Amino acid sequence: MRASIVRIGNSQGIRIPKVLIEQCHLGRDVDLEVKGEMLLIRSASSPRQGWDEKFRSMAAAGDDTLLDGELDNQSSWDEGEWQW
């Protein structure tokens, strides 16, 4: 499919047909990337997308404990130097 570049204020853009937007599942925000001489347009990623499920699977596997162990005990430095 061919599209024309149009002027939009001080910028330029293209109109993406609705059918292509639906096929690609594009939302309101998109990520743009240049690869060689191509422009790649894809749905904007959410940096923390899927974290809830990952945390649940970690808890189910028992892999959600602190690496440093429990931190309930204060050191002498904590008691003498730290101001709460």
PDB file of N, CA and C in Angstrom:
ATOM      1  N   MET A   1       0.853  -1.169   0.000  1.00  0.00           N
ATOM      2  CA  MET A   1       0.000   0.000   0.000  1.00  0.00           C
ATOM      3  C   MET A   1       0.899   1.232   0.000  1.00  0.00           C
ATOM      4  N   ARG A   2       0.545   2.205  -0.757  1.00  0.00           N
ATOM      5  CA  ARG A   2       1.326   3.429  -0.875  1.00  0.00           C
ATOM      6  C   ARG A   2       0.579   4.570  -0.195  1.00  0.00           C
ATOM      7  N   ALA A   3       1.324   5.448   0.472  1.00  0.00           N
ATOM      8  CA  ALA A   3       0.745   6.622   1.125  1.00  0.00           C
ATOM      9  C   ALA A   3       1.596   7.834   0.778  1.00  0.00           C
ATOM     10  N   SER A   4       0.992   8.997   0.850  1.00  0.00           N
ATOM     11  CA  SER A   4       1.710  10.246   0.565  1.00  0.00           C
ATOM     12  C   SER A   4       2.070  10.947   1.872  1.00  0.00           C
ATOM     13  N   ILE A   5       3.213  11.625   1.846  1.00  0.00           N
ATOM     14  CA  ILE A   5       3.616  12.437   2.984  1.00  0.00           C
ATOM     15  C   ILE A   5       2.906  13.775   2.861  1.00  0.00           C
ATOM     16  N   VAL A   6       2.262  14.207   3.971  1.00  0.00           N
ATOM     17  CA  VAL A   6       1.499  15.458   3.966  1.00  0.00           C
ATOM     18  C   VAL A   6       2.084  16.408   5.007  1.00  0.00           C
ATOM     19  N   ARG A   7       1.875  17.681   4.798  1.00  0.00           N
ATOM     20  CA  ARG A   7       2.352  18.699   5.730  1.00  0.00           C
ATOM     21  C   ARG A   7       1.353  18.814   6.879  1.00  0.00           C
ATOM     22  N   ILE A   8       1.877  18.793   8.127  1.00  0.00           N
ATOM     23  CA  ILE A   8       1.067  18.958   9.331  1.00  0.00           C
ATOM     24  C   ILE A   8       1.760  20.022  10.174  1.00  0.00           C
ATOM     25  N   GLY A   9       1.356  21.280  10.032  1.00  0.00           N
ATOM     26  CA  GLY A   9       2.024  22.373  10.730  1.00  0.00           C
ATOM     27  C   GLY A   9       3.453  22.486  10.242  1.00  0.00           C
ATOM     28  N   ASN A  10       4.417  22.486  11.168  1.00  0.00           N
ATOM     29  CA  ASN A  10       5.830  22.545  10.804  1.00  0.00           C
ATOM     30  C   ASN A  10       6.417  21.162  10.572  1.00  0.00           C
ATOM     31  N   SER A  11       5.601  20.131  10.695  1.00  0.00           N
ATOM     32  CA  SER A  11       6.069  18.761  10.529  1.00  0.00           C
ATOM     33  C   SER A  11       5.474  18.143   9.277  1.00  0.00           C
ATOM     34  N   GLN A  12       5.786  16.893   9.075  1.00  0.00           N
ATOM     35  CA  GLN A  12       5.190  16.127   7.989  1.00  0.00           C
ATOM     36  C   GLN A  12       4.706  14.808   8.564  1.00  0.00           C
ATOM     37  N   GLY A  13       3.743  14.192   7.913  1.00  0.00           N
ATOM     38  CA  GLY A  13       3.211  12.933   8.410  1.00  0.00           C
ATOM     39  C   GLY A  13       2.571  12.136   7.301  1.00  0.00           C
ATOM     40  N   ILE A  14       2.113  10.959   7.675  1.00  0.00           N
ATOM     41  CA  ILE A  14       1.366  10.125   6.744  1.00  0.00           C
ATOM     42  C   ILE A  14       0.058   9.730   7.406  1.00  0.00           C
ATOM     43  N   ARG A  15      -0.943   9.486   6.599  1.00  0.00           N
ATOM     44  CA  ARG A  15      -2.217   8.982   7.093  1.00  0.00           C
ATOM     45  C   ARG A  15      -2.185   7.465   6.962  1.00  0.00           C
ATOM     46  N   ILE A  16      -2.419   6.792   8.082  1.00  0.00           N
ATOM     47  CA  ILE A  16      -2.403   5.329   8.078  1.00  0.00           C
ATOM     48  C   ILE A  16      -3.857   4.856   7.990  1.00  0.00           C
ATOM     49  N   PRO A  17      -4.173   4.075   6.972  1.00  0.00           N
ATOM     50  CA  PRO A  17      -5.555   3.593   6.840  1.00  0.00           C
ATOM     51  C   PRO A  17      -5.991   2.793   8.071  1.00  0.00           C
ATOM     52  N   LYS A  18      -7.270   2.920   8.415  1.00  0.00           N
ATOM     53  CA  LYS A  18      -7.837   2.277   9.590  1.00  0.00           C
ATOM     54  C   LYS A  18      -7.603   0.775   9.592  1.00  0.00           C
ATOM     55  N   VAL A  19      -7.716   0.148   8.444  1.00  0.00           N
ATOM     56  CA  VAL A  19      -7.551  -1.302   8.367  1.00  0.00           C
ATOM     57  C   VAL A  19      -6.141  -1.717   8.784  1.00  0.00           C
ATOM     58  N   LEU A  20      -5.122  -0.919   8.436  1.00  0.00           N
ATOM     59  CA  LEU A  20      -3.749  -1.231   8.844  1.00  0.00           C
ATOM     60  C   LEU A  20      -3.562  -1.031  10.348  1.00  0.00           C
ATOM     61  N   ILE A  21      -4.177   0.014  10.881  1.00  0.00           N
ATOM     62  CA  ILE A  21      -4.086   0.268  12.327  1.00  0.00           C
ATOM     63  C   ILE A  21      -4.719  -0.891  13.095  1.00  0.00           C
ATOM     64  N   GLU A  22      -5.851  -1.386  12.605  1.00  0.00           N
ATOM     65  CA  GLU A  22      -6.520  -2.509  13.266  1.00  0.00           C
ATOM     66  C   GLU A  22      -5.704  -3.791  13.141  1.00  0.00           C
ATOM     67  N   GLN A  23      -5.135  -4.047  11.970  1.00  0.00           N
ATOM     68  CA  GLN A  23      -4.343  -5.263  11.769  1.00  0.00           C
ATOM     69  C   GLN A  23      -3.096  -5.276  12.655  1.00  0.00           C
ATOM     70  N   CYS A  24      -2.510  -4.107  12.885  1.00  0.00           N
ATOM     71  CA  CYS A  24      -1.290  -4.008  13.698  1.00  0.00           C
ATOM     72  C   CYS A  24      -1.588  -3.777  15.171  1.00  0.00           C
ATOM     73  N   HIS A  25      -2.859  -3.606  15.518  1.00  0.00           N
ATOM     74  CA  HIS A  25      -3.277  -3.349  16.898  1.00  0.00           C
ATOM     75  C   HIS A  25      -2.571  -2.120  17.471  1.00  0.00           C
ATOM     76  N   LEU A  26      -2.492  -1.067  16.661  1.00  0.00           N
ATOM     77  CA  LEU A  26      -1.860   0.173  17.115  1.00  0.00           C
ATOM     78  C   LEU A  26      -2.830   0.926  18.015  1.00  0.00           C
ATOM     79  N   GLY A  27      -2.307   1.472  19.109  1.00  0.00           N
ATOM     80  CA  GLY A  27      -3.097   2.291  20.014  1.00  0.00           C
ATOM     81  C   GLY A  27      -2.851   3.754  19.749  1.00  0.00           C
ATOM     82  N   ARG A  28      -3.140   4.561  20.741  1.00  0.00           N
ATOM     83  CA  ARG A  28      -2.965   6.011  20.593  1.00  0.00           C
ATOM     84  C   ARG A  28      -1.489   6.381  20.484  1.00  0.00           C
ATOM     85  N   ASP A  29      -0.633   5.713  21.258  1.00  0.00           N
ATOM     86  CA  ASP A  29       0.804   5.998  21.232  1.00  0.00           C
ATOM     87  C   ASP A  29       1.538   4.895  20.484  1.00  0.00           C
ATOM     88  N   VAL A  30       2.562   5.279  19.737  1.00  0.00           N
ATOM     89  CA  VAL A  30       3.371   4.321  18.987  1.00  0.00           C
ATOM     90  C   VAL A  30       4.846   4.597  19.228  1.00  0.00           C
ATOM     91  N   ASP A  31       5.665   3.581  19.034  1.00  0.00           N
ATOM     92  CA  ASP A  31       7.112   3.728  19.051  1.00  0.00           C
ATOM     93  C   ASP A  31       7.598   3.794  17.614  1.00  0.00           C
ATOM     94  N   LEU A  32       8.509   4.712  17.322  1.00  0.00           N
ATOM     95  CA  LEU A  32       9.090   4.854  15.995  1.00  0.00           C
ATOM     96  C   LEU A  32      10.556   4.464  16.063  1.00  0.00           C
ATOM     97  N   GLU A  33      11.017   3.719  15.078  1.00  0.00           N
ATOM     98  CA  GLU A  33      12.415   3.288  15.039  1.00  0.00           C
ATOM     99  C   GLU A  33      12.888   3.298  13.592  1.00  0.00           C
ATOM    100  N   VAL A  34      14.099   3.767  13.383  1.00  0.00           N
ATOM    101  CA  VAL A  34      14.694   3.762  12.047  1.00  0.00           C
ATOM    102  C   VAL A  34      15.612   2.553  11.943  1.00  0.00           C
ATOM    103  N   LYS A  35      15.395   1.748  10.903  1.00  0.00           N
ATOM    104  CA  LYS A  35      16.255   0.592  10.614  1.00  0.00           C
ATOM    105  C   LYS A  35      16.724   0.738   9.184  1.00  0.00           C
ATOM    106  N   GLY A  36      17.988   1.117   9.029  1.00  0.00           N
ATOM    107  CA  GLY A  36      18.496   1.371   7.685  1.00  0.00           C
ATOM    108  C   GLY A  36      17.757   2.550   7.081  1.00  0.00           C
ATOM    109  N   GLU A  37      17.084   2.310   5.978  1.00  0.00           N
ATOM    110  CA  GLU A  37      16.280   3.360   5.334  1.00  0.00           C
ATOM    111  C   GLU A  37      14.791   3.118   5.545  1.00  0.00           C
ATOM    112  N   MET A  38      14.447   2.323   6.564  1.00  0.00           N
ATOM    113  CA  MET A  38      13.036   2.024   6.840  1.00  0.00           C
ATOM    114  C   MET A  38      12.617   2.692   8.146  1.00  0.00           C
ATOM    115  N   LEU A  39      11.340   3.047   8.244  1.00  0.00           N
ATOM    116  CA  LEU A  39      10.735   3.564   9.456  1.00  0.00           C
ATOM    117  C   LEU A  39       9.816   2.490  10.001  1.00  0.00           C
ATOM    118  N   LEU A  40      10.075   2.023  11.207  1.00  0.00           N
ATOM    119  CA  LEU A  40       9.293   0.977  11.836  1.00  0.00           C
ATOM    120  C   LEU A  40       8.346   1.631  12.838  1.00  0.00           C
ATOM    121  N   ILE A  41       7.062   1.347  12.707  1.00  0.00           N
ATOM    122  CA  ILE A  41       6.037   1.881  13.609  1.00  0.00           C
ATOM    123  C   ILE A  41       5.409   0.699  14.325  1.00  0.00           C
ATOM    124  N   ARG A  42       5.411   0.726  15.670  1.00  0.00           N
ATOM    125  CA  ARG A  42       4.782  -0.361  16.423  1.00  0.00           C
ATOM    126  C   ARG A  42       4.092   0.218  17.653  1.00  0.00           C
ATOM    127  N   SER A  43       3.197  -0.564  18.248  1.00  0.00           N
ATOM    128  CA  SER A  43       2.498  -0.119  19.450  1.00  0.00           C
ATOM    129  C   SER A  43       3.516   0.252  20.520  1.00  0.00           C
ATOM    130  N   ALA A  44       3.232   1.323  21.239  1.00  0.00           N
ATOM    131  CA  ALA A  44       4.140   1.773  22.295  1.00  0.00           C
ATOM    132  C   ALA A  44       4.179   0.716  23.394  1.00  0.00           C
ATOM    133  N   SER A  45       5.384   0.407  23.823  1.00  0.00           N
ATOM    134  CA  SER A  45       5.533  -0.581  24.882  1.00  0.00           C
ATOM    135  C   SER A  45       5.399   0.097  26.239  1.00  0.00           C
ATOM    136  N   SER A  46       4.932  -0.676  27.183  1.00  0.00           N
ATOM    137  CA  SER A  46       4.840  -0.207  28.558  1.00  0.00           C
ATOM    138  C   SER A  46       6.021  -0.804  29.308  1.00  0.00           C
ATOM    139  N   PRO A  47       6.885   0.020  29.914  1.00  0.00           N
ATOM    140  CA  PRO A  47       8.094  -0.515  30.536  1.00  0.00           C
ATOM    141  C   PRO A  47       7.841  -1.590  31.587  1.00  0.00           C
ATOM    142  N   ARG A  48       6.717  -1.529  32.267  1.00  0.00           N
ATOM    143  CA  ARG A  48       6.433  -2.493  33.331  1.00  0.00           C
ATOM    144  C   ARG A  48       5.329  -3.471  32.953  1.00  0.00           C
ATOM    145  N   GLN A  49       5.053  -3.563  31.685  1.00  0.00           N
ATOM    146  CA  GLN A  49       4.013  -4.463  31.216  1.00  0.00           C
ATOM    147  C   GLN A  49       4.385  -5.908  31.543  1.00  0.00           C
ATOM    148  N   GLY A  50       3.473  -6.640  32.152  1.00  0.00           N
ATOM    149  CA  GLY A  50       3.696  -8.035  32.472  1.00  0.00           C
ATOM    150  C   GLY A  50       4.367  -8.288  33.810  1.00  0.00           C
ATOM    151  N   TRP A  51       4.714  -7.222  34.550  1.00  0.00           N
ATOM    152  CA  TRP A  51       5.399  -7.408  35.820  1.00  0.00           C
ATOM    153  C   TRP A  51       4.526  -8.143  36.834  1.00  0.00           C
ATOM    154  N   ASP A  52       3.219  -7.845  36.867  1.00  0.00           N
ATOM    155  CA  ASP A  52       2.336  -8.497  37.839  1.00  0.00           C
ATOM    156  C   ASP A  52       2.403 -10.009  37.704  1.00  0.00           C
ATOM    157  N   GLU A  53       2.310 -10.491  36.490  1.00  0.00           N
ATOM    158  CA  GLU A  53       2.365 -11.935  36.258  1.00  0.00           C
ATOM    159  C   GLU A  53       3.733 -12.505  36.633  1.00  0.00           C
ATOM    160  N   LYS A  54       4.793 -11.794  36.310  1.00  0.00           N
ATOM    161  CA  LYS A  54       6.136 -12.253  36.666  1.00  0.00           C
ATOM    162  C   LYS A  54       6.300 -12.345  38.184  1.00  0.00           C
ATOM    163  N   PHE A  55       5.784 -11.359  38.924  1.00  0.00           N
ATOM    164  CA  PHE A  55       5.872 -11.387  40.380  1.00  0.00           C
ATOM    165  C   PHE A  55       5.077 -12.555  40.954  1.00  0.00           C
ATOM    166  N   ARG A  56       3.895 -12.807  40.380  1.00  0.00           N
ATOM    167  CA  ARG A  56       3.097 -13.947  40.851  1.00  0.00           C
ATOM    168  C   ARG A  56       3.832 -15.262  40.624  1.00  0.00           C
ATOM    169  N   SER A  57       4.456 -15.433  39.461  1.00  0.00           N
ATOM    170  CA  SER A  57       5.166 -16.680  39.182  1.00  0.00           C
ATOM    171  C   SER A  57       6.410 -16.812  40.067  1.00  0.00           C
ATOM    172  N   MET A  58       7.074 -15.685  40.393  1.00  0.00           N
ATOM    173  CA  MET A  58       8.207 -15.737  41.311  1.00  0.00           C
ATOM    174  C   MET A  58       7.747 -16.191  42.694  1.00  0.00           C
ATOM    175  N   ALA A  59       6.634 -15.639  43.170  1.00  0.00           N
ATOM    176  CA  ALA A  59       6.117 -16.006  44.493  1.00  0.00           C
ATOM    177  C   ALA A  59       5.720 -17.476  44.518  1.00  0.00           C
ATOM    178  N   ALA A  60       5.094 -17.950  43.453  1.00  0.00           N
ATOM    179  CA  ALA A  60       4.682 -19.355  43.389  1.00  0.00           C
ATOM    180  C   ALA A  60       5.891 -20.287  43.417  1.00  0.00           C
ATOM    181  N   ALA A  61       7.000 -19.840  42.846  1.00  0.00           N
ATOM    182  CA  ALA A  61       8.222 -20.653  42.813  1.00  0.00           C
ATOM    183  C   ALA A  61       9.085 -20.447  44.063  1.00  0.00           C
ATOM    184  N   GLY A  62       8.641 -19.572  44.980  1.00  0.00           N
ATOM    185  CA  GLY A  62       9.421 -19.298  46.186  1.00  0.00           C
ATOM    186  C   GLY A  62      10.668 -18.490  45.911  1.00  0.00           C
ATOM    187  N   ASP A  63      10.664 -17.749  44.825  1.00  0.00           N
ATOM    188  CA  ASP A  63      11.846 -16.990  44.412  1.00  0.00           C
ATOM    189  C   ASP A  63      11.658 -15.498  44.666  1.00  0.00           C
ATOM    190  N   ASP A  64      10.948 -15.160  45.750  1.00  0.00           N
ATOM    191  CA  ASP A  64      10.678 -13.754  46.031  1.00  0.00           C
ATOM    192  C   ASP A  64      11.161 -13.344  47.426  1.00  0.00           C
ATOM    193  N   THR A  65      12.237 -13.965  47.877  1.00  0.00           N
ATOM    194  CA  THR A  65      12.783 -13.622  49.191  1.00  0.00           C
ATOM    195  C   THR A  65      13.928 -12.624  49.037  1.00  0.00           C
ATOM    196  N   LEU A  66      14.240 -11.926  50.135  1.00  0.00           N
ATOM    197  CA  LEU A  66      15.337 -10.964  50.106  1.00  0.00           C
ATOM    198  C   LEU A  66      16.671 -11.688  49.974  1.00  0.00           C
ATOM    199  N   LEU A  67      17.549 -11.184  49.145  1.00  0.00           N
ATOM    200  CA  LEU A  67      18.866 -11.787  48.973  1.00  0.00           C
ATOM    201  C   LEU A  67      19.756 -11.538  50.190  1.00  0.00           C
ATOM    202  N   ASP A  68      19.528 -10.423  50.888  1.00  0.00           N
ATOM    203  CA  ASP A  68      20.338 -10.075  52.046  1.00  0.00           C
ATOM    204  C   ASP A  68      19.819 -10.685  53.337  1.00  0.00           C
ATOM    205  N   GLY A  69      18.745 -11.428  53.286  1.00  0.00           N
ATOM    206  CA  GLY A  69      18.150 -11.964  54.495  1.00  0.00           C
ATOM    207  C   GLY A  69      17.326 -10.906  55.198  1.00  0.00           C
ATOM    208  N   GLU A  70      16.887 -11.222  56.379  1.00  0.00           N
ATOM    209  CA  GLU A  70      16.077 -10.278  57.154  1.00  0.00           C
ATOM    210  C   GLU A  70      16.930  -9.109  57.624  1.00  0.00           C
ATOM    211  N   LEU A  71      16.359  -7.929  57.640  1.00  0.00           N
ATOM    212  CA  LEU A  71      17.098  -6.730  58.011  1.00  0.00           C
ATOM    213  C   LEU A  71      16.598  -6.138  59.326  1.00  0.00           C
ATOM    214  N   ASP A  72      16.027  -6.967  60.204  1.00  0.00           N
ATOM    215  CA  ASP A  72      15.466  -6.471  61.460  1.00  0.00           C
ATOM    216  C   ASP A  72      16.537  -6.030  62.447  1.00  0.00           C
ATOM    217  N   ASN A  73      17.698  -6.651  62.443  1.00  0.00           N
ATOM    218  CA  ASN A  73      18.745  -6.337  63.413  1.00  0.00           C
ATOM    219  C   ASN A  73      19.510  -5.089  62.995  1.00  0.00           C
ATOM    220  N   GLN A  74      19.594  -4.146  63.921  1.00  0.00           N
ATOM    221  CA  GLN A  74      20.356  -2.930  63.647  1.00  0.00           C
ATOM    222  C   GLN A  74      21.794  -3.127  64.099  1.00  0.00           C
ATOM    223  N   SER A  75      22.707  -2.535  63.385  1.00  0.00           N
ATOM    224  CA  SER A  75      24.116  -2.593  63.777  1.00  0.00           C
ATOM    225  C   SER A  75      24.413  -1.454  64.738  1.00  0.00           C
ATOM    226  N   SER A  76      25.597  -1.452  65.300  1.00  0.00           N
ATOM    227  CA  SER A  76      25.991  -0.359  66.203  1.00  0.00           C
ATOM    228  C   SER A  76      26.074   0.956  65.420  1.00  0.00           C
ATOM    229  N   TRP A  77      26.438   0.869  64.141  1.00  0.00           N
ATOM    230  CA  TRP A  77      26.469   2.079  63.309  1.00  0.00           C
ATOM    231  C   TRP A  77      25.056   2.644  63.169  1.00  0.00           C
ATOM    232  N   ASP A  78      24.073   1.757  62.951  1.00  0.00           N
ATOM    233  CA  ASP A  78      22.686   2.208  62.843  1.00  0.00           C
ATOM    234  C   ASP A  78      22.250   2.928  64.108  1.00  0.00           C
ATOM    235  N   GLU A  79      22.619   2.378  65.255  1.00  0.00           N
ATOM    236  CA  GLU A  79      22.178   2.944  66.521  1.00  0.00           C
ATOM    237  C   GLU A  79      22.911   4.245  66.844  1.00  0.00           C
ATOM    238  N   GLY A  80      24.188   4.354  66.526  1.00  0.00           N
ATOM    239  CA  GLY A  80      24.966   5.520  66.921  1.00  0.00           C
ATOM    240  C   GLY A  80      25.053   6.621  65.884  1.00  0.00           C
ATOM    241  N   GLU A  81      25.096   6.270  64.615  1.00  0.00           N
ATOM    242  CA  GLU A  81      25.357   7.263  63.564  1.00  0.00           C
ATOM    243  C   GLU A  81      24.110   7.703  62.802  1.00  0.00           C
ATOM    244  N   TRP A  82      23.163   6.854  62.674  1.00  0.00           N
ATOM    245  CA  TRP A  82      21.988   7.144  61.843  1.00  0.00           C
ATOM    246  C   TRP A  82      20.995   8.000  62.615  1.00  0.00           C
ATOM    247  N   GLN A  83      20.473   9.029  61.992  1.00  0.00           N
ATOM    248  CA  GLN A  83      19.462   9.864  62.630  1.00  0.00           C
ATOM    249  C   GLN A  83      18.127   9.568  61.983  1.00  0.00           C
ATOM    250  N   TRP A  84      17.159   9.149  62.776  1.00  0.00           N
ATOM    251  CA  TRP A  84      15.829   8.804  62.262  1.00  0.00           C
ATOM    252  C   TRP A  84      14.960  10.012  62.257  1.00  0.00           C
TER     253      TRP A  84
END
